[in-house]
Amino acid sequence: MTAARPFQPLIFGAVADDLTGGLELASMLVARGVPTTLSIGAREPARMGAAHVFALKSRVAPVGDAVRSALEAVEILQSHRARQIFFKYCATFDSTPAGNIGPCADAMMDRLGARQALFVPAFCEMKRTVYQGHMFAGAQLLSESPKRFDPVTPMTDSNLVRVLQAQTKRVVGLVDYSIVDQGPDAIRVYCERQHERSPLFIADALYEHHLSTLAAAALDAPFLTGNSCVAAHLPPLWLERGLIEEAATARLNGVDGTAAVLVGSLAPQTTAQLDRFGAENDVFVIDVARAFAGHDVSAEARQFAAASVAAGRSFAISTALPQDRVDSLQSAHGRLDVASRAEALLSEIAQFIVFDLGVRRLVVAGGETSGSVVRALGITDLEVGPYREPGFSRAVAAHPFPIALLLKSGKLGSVDIFASALDDMRRPILQEPLLTRWPAKD
């Protein structure tokens, strides 16, 4: 009889509000040498590593549904005695006007009995920084950047203290850069002194070393929130503390086979990526307006995909339309209904190209789209490769057969990422942990 494995408490348990963000977080931990597992949806996973990430689809869900799924994930993490629970949201701090960042954070804090929490959304590698509580996209205030035109989650207010305060029952304060510059102890002392008045704190971060300092300040906090990048600075601290014995080599199998790209994002960066891919590959753009008018646009896309596969060509299918047409559709049918229709179309097409056409290498652009597609394919767990650069986090789904995936946020990735990722998926990964430097690509 095989002896039962001893119960191993989790060092770190994360709840991500979308799949691309959850994959990015898991891949950063893998690159840092932490055995990390990722599961989709709030359910007991098949296995857990030293760290585990639950990837939900809650960013634009109704508030009650978002809170419920977050608490279900927290309950599972608590049952595995997670040392710290992390709530992961987008670097641009976007969700719905009513939430869902504040309500989910409030509910998780209540469940955990946490007295206070840092909110660290900055992604300095991508020049998403926070100064005096205001988020910047490069040199622009977020509210003056293209993010203000996002078709689903536009950000028209750069003051994150004000944005979060509108979503929470707790008072929101600010840990400004001058305090962050003084080091982890200064941050902890400041937050403790302000606890009675402000249990939640937006944290300034202008440089990568600010994120490292904030991670050190929150090392022993039961609850931390932010973008993936602050969590990427925790593993070296775990090693120093002896919470993990050694850093593990990252491994991921390569997968060959038919290749495809599905695009649901309207971000300008994704548009440029699709244009580059289309210079040498087949591209089909679904007219979502025709779908609302009753046309079987899915059949047209399936016919296009079958022809491309028969010709031995990689292909892309997109629901991205020019901004003026998107505005018109949203005026007629509602913002979320248009997004849901586009996601449903791409999910249906994903089932056809994977199960009927044999696609085994797949790139999906768009956070909400990625979640819909992976769920439509019946994928519940992912083997995660190491983070390479913003937007480039590979994974393999083993069920029902190996499928190589790259699931990326619409805003991220180099202009040639579609073709380069599909080619890269053929090769296995064997990478030593990145402990002495971060970001992964200097």
Protein backbone atom coordinates (compact mmCIF):
# COMPACT_ATOMS: atom_id res chain seq x y z
CA MET A 1 0.00 0.00 0.00
CA THR A 2 1.33 3.46 -0.95
CA ALA A 3 1.68 5.79 2.00
CA ALA A 4 -0.54 8.85 1.88
CA ARG A 5 1.27 12.05 1.02
CA PRO A 6 1.54 14.44 3.99
CA PHE A 7 -0.69 17.49 3.79
CA GLN A 8 1.27 20.49 2.50
CA PRO A 9 -0.21 23.92 3.30
CA LEU A 10 -0.08 26.42 0.48
CA ILE A 11 2.44 29.20 0.69
CA PHE A 12 0.31 31.38 -1.55
CA GLY A 13 -3.25 31.19 -2.86
CA ALA A 14 -4.56 33.61 -5.46
CA VAL A 15 -7.98 34.57 -6.78
CA ALA A 16 -7.75 36.23 -10.21
CA ASP A 17 -10.75 38.00 -11.74
CA ASP A 18 -10.00 36.76 -15.26
CA LEU A 19 -8.08 33.98 -16.97
CA THR A 20 -5.34 35.97 -18.70
CA GLY A 21 -4.47 37.72 -15.45
CA GLY A 22 -4.47 34.43 -13.56
CA LEU A 23 -2.19 32.85 -16.15
CA GLU A 24 0.15 35.83 -16.06
CA LEU A 25 0.40 35.59 -12.26
CA ALA A 26 0.99 31.83 -12.29
CA SER A 27 3.63 32.17 -15.00
CA MET A 28 5.51 34.81 -13.00
CA LEU A 29 5.63 32.50 -9.98
CA VAL A 30 6.77 29.60 -12.18
CA ALA A 31 9.55 31.79 -13.62
CA ARG A 32 10.63 32.55 -10.05
CA GLY A 33 10.96 28.83 -9.31
CA VAL A 34 7.71 28.25 -7.39
CA PRO A 35 5.75 25.09 -8.32
CA THR A 36 2.44 26.72 -9.21
CA THR A 37 -0.85 25.22 -10.35
CA LEU A 38 -3.77 26.98 -12.02
CA SER A 39 -7.40 25.95 -12.20
CA ILE A 40 -10.34 27.59 -13.91
CA GLY A 41 -13.40 28.38 -11.85
CA ALA A 42 -14.00 28.09 -8.11
CA ARG A 43 -13.83 24.32 -7.63
CA GLU A 44 -11.50 21.89 -5.87
CA PRO A 45 -8.59 21.43 -8.30
CA ALA A 46 -7.07 18.11 -9.29
CA ARG A 47 -3.82 19.07 -7.57
CA MET A 48 -2.08 22.01 -5.97
CA GLY A 49 1.53 23.12 -5.97
CA ALA A 50 3.26 25.29 -3.43
CA ALA A 51 1.16 28.12 -4.87
CA HIS A 52 -2.22 27.91 -6.53
CA VAL A 53 -4.16 30.35 -8.69
CA PHE A 54 -7.91 30.27 -9.24
CA ALA A 55 -8.76 31.99 -12.52
CA LEU A 56 -12.34 33.24 -12.40
CA LYS A 57 -14.48 35.10 -14.92
CA SER A 58 -15.70 37.75 -12.52
CA ARG A 59 -14.35 41.09 -13.73
CA VAL A 60 -17.58 42.14 -15.42
CA ALA A 61 -19.94 39.66 -13.76
CA PRO A 62 -22.86 40.93 -11.65
CA VAL A 63 -21.50 41.96 -8.25
CA GLY A 64 -23.26 39.17 -6.37
CA ASP A 65 -21.90 36.51 -8.73
CA ALA A 66 -18.37 37.95 -8.56
CA VAL A 67 -18.39 37.99 -4.76
CA ARG A 68 -19.84 34.49 -4.55
CA SER A 69 -17.21 32.95 -6.81
CA ALA A 70 -14.39 34.79 -5.03
CA LEU A 71 -15.55 33.51 -1.64
CA GLU A 72 -15.88 29.96 -2.97
CA ALA A 73 -12.26 30.12 -4.12
CA VAL A 74 -11.15 31.58 -0.78
CA GLU A 75 -12.92 28.79 1.10
CA ILE A 76 -10.96 26.17 -0.86
CA LEU A 77 -7.69 28.02 -0.28
CA GLN A 78 -8.46 28.23 3.44
CA SER A 79 -9.09 24.48 3.53
CA HIS A 80 -5.54 24.07 2.22
CA ARG A 81 -4.25 26.47 4.90
CA ALA A 82 -2.94 29.05 2.45
CA ARG A 83 -0.42 31.24 4.25
CA GLN A 84 -1.42 34.32 2.24
CA ILE A 85 -4.33 35.01 -0.08
CA PHE A 86 -3.88 37.37 -3.00
CA PHE A 87 -6.64 39.06 -5.00
CA LYS A 88 -5.42 39.69 -8.54
CA TYR A 89 -7.02 42.31 -10.79
CA CYS A 90 -5.93 44.20 -13.89
CA ALA A 91 -3.11 46.77 -13.79
CA THR A 92 -5.58 49.36 -15.06
CA PHE A 93 -7.85 48.69 -12.05
CA ASP A 94 -10.90 48.27 -14.26
CA SER A 95 -14.08 46.33 -13.68
CA THR A 96 -17.67 47.62 -13.62
CA PRO A 97 -19.03 50.93 -12.26
CA ALA A 98 -20.39 49.09 -9.21
CA GLY A 99 -17.25 47.02 -8.63
CA ASN A 100 -16.14 44.38 -8.68
CA ILE A 101 -12.78 45.10 -7.04
CA GLY A 102 -14.15 46.77 -3.92
CA PRO A 103 -17.00 44.35 -3.18
CA CYS A 104 -14.81 41.28 -3.72
CA ALA A 105 -12.01 42.68 -1.57
CA ASP A 106 -14.46 43.58 1.21
CA ALA A 107 -15.97 40.10 1.18
CA MET A 108 -12.59 38.37 1.21
CA MET A 109 -11.33 40.55 4.05
CA ASP A 110 -14.44 39.76 6.07
CA ARG A 111 -14.02 36.03 5.46
CA LEU A 112 -10.33 36.12 6.38
CA GLY A 113 -10.70 38.49 9.30
CA ALA A 114 -8.07 40.76 7.74
CA ARG A 115 -7.76 44.17 9.40
CA GLN A 116 -6.23 46.01 6.43
CA ALA A 117 -5.04 45.49 2.86
CA LEU A 118 -2.69 47.05 0.35
CA PHE A 119 -3.86 47.62 -3.22
CA VAL A 120 -0.88 47.51 -5.60
CA PRO A 121 -2.10 47.65 -9.23
CA ALA A 122 1.08 49.08 -10.83
CA PHE A 123 2.76 47.20 -13.69
CA CYS A 124 6.00 49.16 -13.92
CA GLU A 125 7.41 46.93 -16.66
CA MET A 126 4.58 48.19 -18.87
CA LYS A 127 4.81 51.76 -17.53
CA ARG A 128 1.51 51.44 -15.67
CA THR A 129 2.50 53.42 -12.59
CA VAL A 130 0.72 55.02 -9.63
CA TYR A 131 1.74 58.44 -8.34
CA GLN A 132 -0.14 60.23 -5.55
CA GLY A 133 -2.87 57.66 -6.02
CA HIS A 134 -3.31 58.45 -9.72
CA MET A 135 -2.64 55.83 -12.36
CA PHE A 136 -0.54 56.68 -15.40
CA ALA A 137 -0.16 54.85 -18.70
CA GLY A 138 3.30 56.02 -19.61
CA ALA A 139 3.22 59.82 -19.47
CA GLN A 140 -0.58 59.98 -19.71
CA LEU A 141 -3.11 59.83 -16.94
CA LEU A 142 -5.06 56.61 -17.42
CA SER A 143 -8.24 58.63 -18.04
CA GLU A 144 -6.53 60.38 -20.95
CA SER A 145 -5.10 57.19 -22.46
CA PRO A 146 -6.81 54.83 -24.97
CA LYS A 147 -8.15 52.93 -21.95
CA ARG A 148 -10.91 55.54 -21.67
CA PHE A 149 -12.37 54.08 -24.89
CA ASP A 150 -12.39 50.44 -23.72
CA PRO A 151 -15.67 49.00 -25.05
CA VAL A 152 -16.40 46.98 -21.89
CA THR A 153 -14.49 48.53 -18.96
CA PRO A 154 -13.54 52.12 -19.81
CA MET A 155 -11.49 53.98 -17.21
CA THR A 156 -12.42 57.67 -17.10
CA ASP A 157 -11.06 58.46 -13.63
CA SER A 158 -7.34 58.12 -12.87
CA ASN A 159 -7.71 58.73 -9.13
CA LEU A 160 -7.66 55.15 -7.82
CA VAL A 161 -8.39 56.23 -4.24
CA ARG A 162 -11.62 57.76 -5.50
CA VAL A 163 -12.39 54.80 -7.79
CA LEU A 164 -11.98 52.28 -4.98
CA GLN A 165 -13.78 54.43 -2.41
CA ALA A 166 -16.89 54.35 -4.61
CA GLN A 167 -16.86 50.54 -4.44
CA THR A 168 -16.20 49.79 -0.77
CA LYS A 169 -17.76 50.23 2.64
CA ARG A 170 -14.29 50.80 4.13
CA VAL A 171 -12.32 54.05 4.05
CA VAL A 172 -9.54 54.15 1.46
CA GLY A 173 -6.19 55.80 2.17
CA LEU A 174 -2.94 56.25 0.26
CA VAL A 175 0.59 55.01 0.83
CA ASP A 176 2.42 57.58 -1.25
CA TYR A 177 5.80 57.15 -2.89
CA SER A 178 7.66 59.06 -0.16
CA ILE A 179 6.62 56.39 2.36
CA VAL A 180 7.34 53.54 -0.05
CA ASP A 181 10.83 54.99 -0.60
CA GLN A 182 11.55 54.63 3.13
CA GLY A 183 11.23 50.84 3.00
CA PRO A 184 9.03 47.96 4.20
CA ASP A 185 9.11 48.89 7.89
CA ALA A 186 7.98 52.44 7.16
CA ILE A 187 5.07 51.13 5.11
CA ARG A 188 3.98 48.75 7.86
CA VAL A 189 4.25 51.44 10.56
CA TYR A 190 2.30 53.95 8.46
CA CYS A 191 -0.50 51.49 7.71
CA GLU A 192 -0.74 50.44 11.34
CA ARG A 193 -0.98 54.05 12.49
CA GLN A 194 -3.68 54.76 9.92
CA HIS A 195 -5.59 51.52 10.51
CA GLU A 196 -8.43 52.95 12.56
CA ARG A 197 -9.16 55.57 9.90
CA SER A 198 -8.19 53.82 6.65
CA PRO A 199 -8.04 50.02 6.53
CA LEU A 200 -7.55 50.00 2.73
CA PHE A 201 -4.56 51.61 1.03
CA ILE A 202 -3.81 52.37 -2.60
CA ALA A 203 -0.02 52.15 -2.92
CA ASP A 204 2.10 54.38 -5.13
CA ALA A 205 4.68 52.59 -7.28
CA LEU A 206 6.77 54.31 -9.93
CA TYR A 207 9.65 51.85 -10.27
CA GLU A 208 10.17 48.11 -10.01
CA HIS A 209 12.02 48.51 -6.69
CA HIS A 210 8.85 50.07 -5.26
CA LEU A 211 7.00 46.83 -6.03
CA SER A 212 9.77 44.84 -4.34
CA THR A 213 9.50 47.07 -1.27
CA LEU A 214 5.72 46.73 -1.11
CA ALA A 215 5.99 42.93 -1.43
CA ALA A 216 8.40 42.87 1.51
CA ALA A 217 6.06 45.06 3.54
CA ALA A 218 3.18 42.65 2.89
CA LEU A 219 5.16 39.41 3.28
CA ASP A 220 3.30 38.37 6.44
CA ALA A 221 -0.07 39.94 5.64
CA PRO A 222 -2.90 37.41 5.41
CA PHE A 223 -4.41 39.32 2.48
CA LEU A 224 -2.83 41.30 -0.34
CA THR A 225 -4.28 42.67 -3.56
CA GLY A 226 -2.80 43.93 -6.79
CA ASN A 227 -1.57 43.19 -10.26
CA SER A 228 0.69 40.18 -10.81
CA CYS A 229 3.93 42.14 -10.59
CA VAL A 230 3.96 42.76 -6.84
CA ALA A 231 3.46 39.03 -6.24
CA ALA A 232 6.44 38.27 -8.49
CA HIS A 233 8.67 39.83 -5.84
CA LEU A 234 7.51 37.46 -3.09
CA PRO A 235 9.32 34.19 -4.02
CA PRO A 236 12.86 35.38 -3.19
CA LEU A 237 11.51 36.45 0.19
CA TRP A 238 9.98 32.99 0.69
CA LEU A 239 13.36 31.43 -0.02
CA GLU A 240 15.09 33.72 2.47
CA ARG A 241 12.48 32.88 5.09
CA GLY A 242 12.76 29.13 4.39
CA LEU A 243 9.13 28.83 3.32
CA ILE A 244 10.33 27.00 0.20
CA GLU A 245 13.49 24.91 0.31
CA GLU A 246 14.73 25.57 -3.21
CA ALA A 247 13.64 27.15 -6.47
CA ALA A 248 12.40 24.73 -9.12
CA THR A 249 13.31 24.58 -12.79
CA ALA A 250 10.37 25.56 -15.04
CA ARG A 251 9.28 22.87 -17.50
CA LEU A 252 6.59 22.80 -20.16
CA ASN A 253 6.05 20.37 -23.03
CA GLY A 254 5.95 21.51 -26.63
CA VAL A 255 2.93 20.73 -28.80
CA ASP A 256 2.85 20.54 -32.59
CA GLY A 257 -0.17 20.57 -34.89
CA THR A 258 -2.57 22.92 -36.62
CA ALA A 259 -2.36 26.53 -35.43
CA ALA A 260 -5.00 29.24 -35.03
CA VAL A 261 -5.65 32.63 -33.42
CA LEU A 262 -8.95 33.86 -31.96
CA VAL A 263 -9.29 37.59 -31.33
CA GLY A 264 -11.97 39.16 -29.16
CA SER A 265 -10.07 42.24 -28.02
CA LEU A 266 -10.56 45.67 -29.56
CA ALA A 267 -7.37 47.08 -28.04
CA PRO A 268 -5.17 49.03 -30.48
CA GLN A 269 -2.24 46.73 -29.67
CA THR A 270 -4.25 43.67 -30.66
CA THR A 271 -5.33 45.39 -33.88
CA ALA A 272 -1.69 45.93 -34.78
CA GLN A 273 -0.89 42.31 -33.91
CA LEU A 274 -3.71 41.04 -36.12
CA ASP A 275 -2.59 43.25 -39.00
CA ARG A 276 0.95 41.87 -38.73
CA PHE A 277 -0.30 38.28 -38.59
CA GLY A 278 -2.61 38.87 -41.55
CA ALA A 279 0.29 39.93 -43.76
CA GLU A 280 1.28 36.26 -44.11
CA ASN A 281 -1.73 34.29 -42.86
CA ASP A 282 -5.46 34.00 -43.43
CA VAL A 283 -7.71 36.33 -41.39
CA PHE A 284 -11.51 36.35 -41.15
CA VAL A 285 -13.37 39.15 -39.35
CA ILE A 286 -16.84 38.30 -38.08
CA ASP A 287 -19.37 41.08 -38.48
CA VAL A 288 -21.17 40.90 -35.13
CA ALA A 289 -23.86 43.28 -36.43
CA ARG A 290 -24.88 40.59 -38.93
CA ALA A 291 -25.17 38.11 -36.05
CA PHE A 292 -27.63 40.43 -34.30
CA ALA A 293 -29.53 40.64 -37.59
CA GLY A 294 -29.97 36.86 -37.62
CA HIS A 295 -27.24 35.80 -40.06
CA ASP A 296 -25.32 32.59 -39.37
CA VAL A 297 -21.91 34.24 -39.18
CA SER A 298 -20.56 31.28 -37.22
CA ALA A 299 -21.12 29.02 -40.22
CA GLU A 300 -19.23 31.47 -42.42
CA ALA A 301 -16.30 31.48 -40.00
CA ARG A 302 -16.28 27.70 -39.73
CA GLN A 303 -16.20 27.40 -43.52
CA PHE A 304 -13.26 29.82 -43.66
CA ALA A 305 -11.38 27.87 -40.96
CA ALA A 306 -11.93 24.54 -42.70
CA ALA A 307 -10.59 25.95 -45.97
CA SER A 308 -7.49 27.31 -44.25
CA VAL A 309 -6.77 24.01 -42.53
CA ALA A 310 -7.29 22.09 -45.80
CA ALA A 311 -4.73 24.39 -47.43
CA GLY A 312 -2.28 23.82 -44.56
CA ARG A 313 -2.33 27.47 -43.46
CA SER A 314 -2.48 29.05 -40.02
CA PHE A 315 -5.44 31.39 -39.60
CA ALA A 316 -7.08 33.96 -37.35
CA ILE A 317 -10.75 34.69 -36.67
CA SER A 318 -11.66 38.01 -35.06
CA THR A 319 -14.77 39.80 -33.83
CA ALA A 320 -12.98 43.15 -33.70
CA LEU A 321 -14.75 45.91 -35.63
CA PRO A 322 -13.88 49.61 -36.09
CA GLN A 323 -14.68 51.72 -33.03
CA ASP A 324 -17.54 53.61 -34.69
CA ARG A 325 -19.31 50.35 -35.55
CA VAL A 326 -18.77 49.04 -32.03
CA ASP A 327 -20.26 52.25 -30.62
CA SER A 328 -23.29 51.84 -32.86
CA LEU A 329 -23.79 48.21 -31.82
CA GLN A 330 -23.49 49.07 -28.14
CA SER A 331 -26.02 51.86 -28.50
CA ALA A 332 -28.48 49.45 -30.09
CA HIS A 333 -27.91 46.34 -27.95
CA GLY A 334 -25.97 47.32 -24.81
CA ARG A 335 -22.28 47.10 -23.99
CA LEU A 336 -22.32 43.77 -22.19
CA ASP A 337 -24.73 42.12 -24.63
CA VAL A 338 -22.45 42.94 -27.56
CA ALA A 339 -19.44 41.57 -25.68
CA SER A 340 -21.33 38.43 -24.71
CA ARG A 341 -22.45 37.78 -28.29
CA ALA A 342 -18.87 38.13 -29.56
CA GLU A 343 -17.55 35.79 -26.85
CA ALA A 344 -20.25 33.22 -27.60
CA LEU A 345 -19.39 33.25 -31.31
CA LEU A 346 -15.67 32.75 -30.71
CA SER A 347 -16.38 30.04 -28.12
CA GLU A 348 -18.55 28.12 -30.59
CA ILE A 349 -15.87 28.46 -33.27
CA ALA A 350 -13.19 27.34 -30.80
CA GLN A 351 -15.07 24.09 -30.23
CA PHE A 352 -15.27 23.49 -33.98
CA ILE A 353 -11.63 24.23 -34.80
CA VAL A 354 -10.32 22.15 -31.88
CA PHE A 355 -12.67 19.16 -31.92
CA ASP A 356 -13.46 18.99 -35.65
CA LEU A 357 -10.44 20.53 -37.36
CA GLY A 358 -7.77 19.35 -34.92
CA VAL A 359 -6.26 22.70 -33.92
CA ARG A 360 -3.62 21.99 -31.26
CA ARG A 361 -1.83 25.35 -31.02
CA LEU A 362 -4.11 28.23 -30.10
CA VAL A 363 -3.61 31.91 -29.26
CA VAL A 364 -6.57 33.81 -27.78
CA ALA A 365 -6.45 37.61 -27.46
CA GLY A 366 -8.70 39.22 -24.86
CA GLY A 367 -9.18 38.45 -21.17
CA GLU A 368 -12.93 37.84 -21.21
CA THR A 369 -12.68 36.00 -24.54
CA SER A 370 -9.96 33.72 -23.19
CA GLY A 371 -12.11 32.70 -20.25
CA SER A 372 -15.09 31.95 -22.47
CA VAL A 373 -13.06 29.95 -25.00
CA VAL A 374 -11.27 27.80 -22.43
CA ARG A 375 -14.52 27.00 -20.64
CA ALA A 376 -16.17 26.11 -23.94
CA LEU A 377 -13.35 23.65 -24.58
CA GLY A 378 -13.97 21.98 -21.22
CA ILE A 379 -10.51 22.88 -19.90
CA THR A 380 -10.35 23.05 -16.12
CA ASP A 381 -6.61 22.96 -15.34
CA LEU A 382 -3.52 24.32 -17.08
CA GLU A 383 0.15 23.41 -16.94
CA VAL A 384 1.84 26.81 -16.86
CA GLY A 385 5.13 27.82 -18.42
CA PRO A 386 7.40 30.60 -17.17
CA TYR A 387 6.65 34.26 -17.79
CA ARG A 388 8.77 35.67 -20.58
CA GLU A 389 7.52 39.20 -21.16
CA PRO A 390 4.22 41.11 -20.94
CA GLY A 391 1.56 39.18 -22.82
CA PHE A 392 3.70 36.07 -23.33
CA SER A 393 2.76 33.28 -20.94
CA ARG A 394 2.47 29.81 -22.43
CA ALA A 395 0.37 26.97 -21.06
CA VAL A 396 -0.68 23.45 -22.01
CA ALA A 397 -4.08 21.90 -21.36
CA ALA A 398 -3.81 18.12 -21.04
CA HIS A 399 -7.52 17.33 -21.26
CA PRO A 400 -9.06 16.04 -23.45
CA PHE A 401 -5.78 16.04 -25.44
CA PRO A 402 -2.70 18.28 -25.34
CA ILE A 403 -3.47 21.81 -26.53
CA ALA A 404 -0.81 24.52 -26.40
CA LEU A 405 -2.25 27.88 -25.41
CA LEU A 406 -1.20 31.48 -25.20
CA LEU A 407 -3.94 33.55 -23.58
CA LYS A 408 -3.18 37.24 -23.56
CA SER A 409 -4.67 40.53 -22.53
CA GLY A 410 -5.60 42.69 -25.49
CA LYS A 411 -3.28 45.47 -24.36
CA LEU A 412 -0.13 43.35 -24.13
CA GLY A 413 2.40 41.63 -26.35
CA SER A 414 4.80 42.53 -29.15
CA VAL A 415 3.35 43.26 -32.56
CA ASP A 416 4.50 39.87 -33.93
CA ILE A 417 3.31 37.83 -30.95
CA PHE A 418 0.73 35.73 -32.80
CA ALA A 419 3.15 34.10 -35.25
CA SER A 420 6.06 33.97 -32.79
CA ALA A 421 3.95 32.34 -30.07
CA LEU A 422 2.52 29.72 -32.42
CA ASP A 423 6.02 28.82 -33.56
CA ASP A 424 7.37 28.81 -30.00
CA MET A 425 4.66 26.38 -28.86
CA ARG A 426 6.35 23.57 -30.77
CA ARG A 427 9.37 23.68 -28.48
CA PRO A 428 9.55 22.44 -24.88
CA ILE A 429 10.64 24.83 -22.14
CA LEU A 430 13.35 24.10 -19.60
CA GLN A 431 14.30 27.26 -17.71
CA GLU A 432 16.26 27.90 -14.55
CA PRO A 433 14.50 30.14 -11.99
CA LEU A 434 14.95 33.90 -12.22
CA LEU A 435 15.87 34.89 -8.68
CA THR A 436 18.49 37.60 -9.03
CA ARG A 437 16.67 39.78 -11.54
CA TRP A 438 13.15 40.87 -12.40
CA PRO A 439 11.37 41.60 -14.75
CA ALA A 440 11.99 38.40 -16.65
CA LYS A 441 13.19 40.32 -19.69
CA ASP A 442 15.37 43.33 -18.89
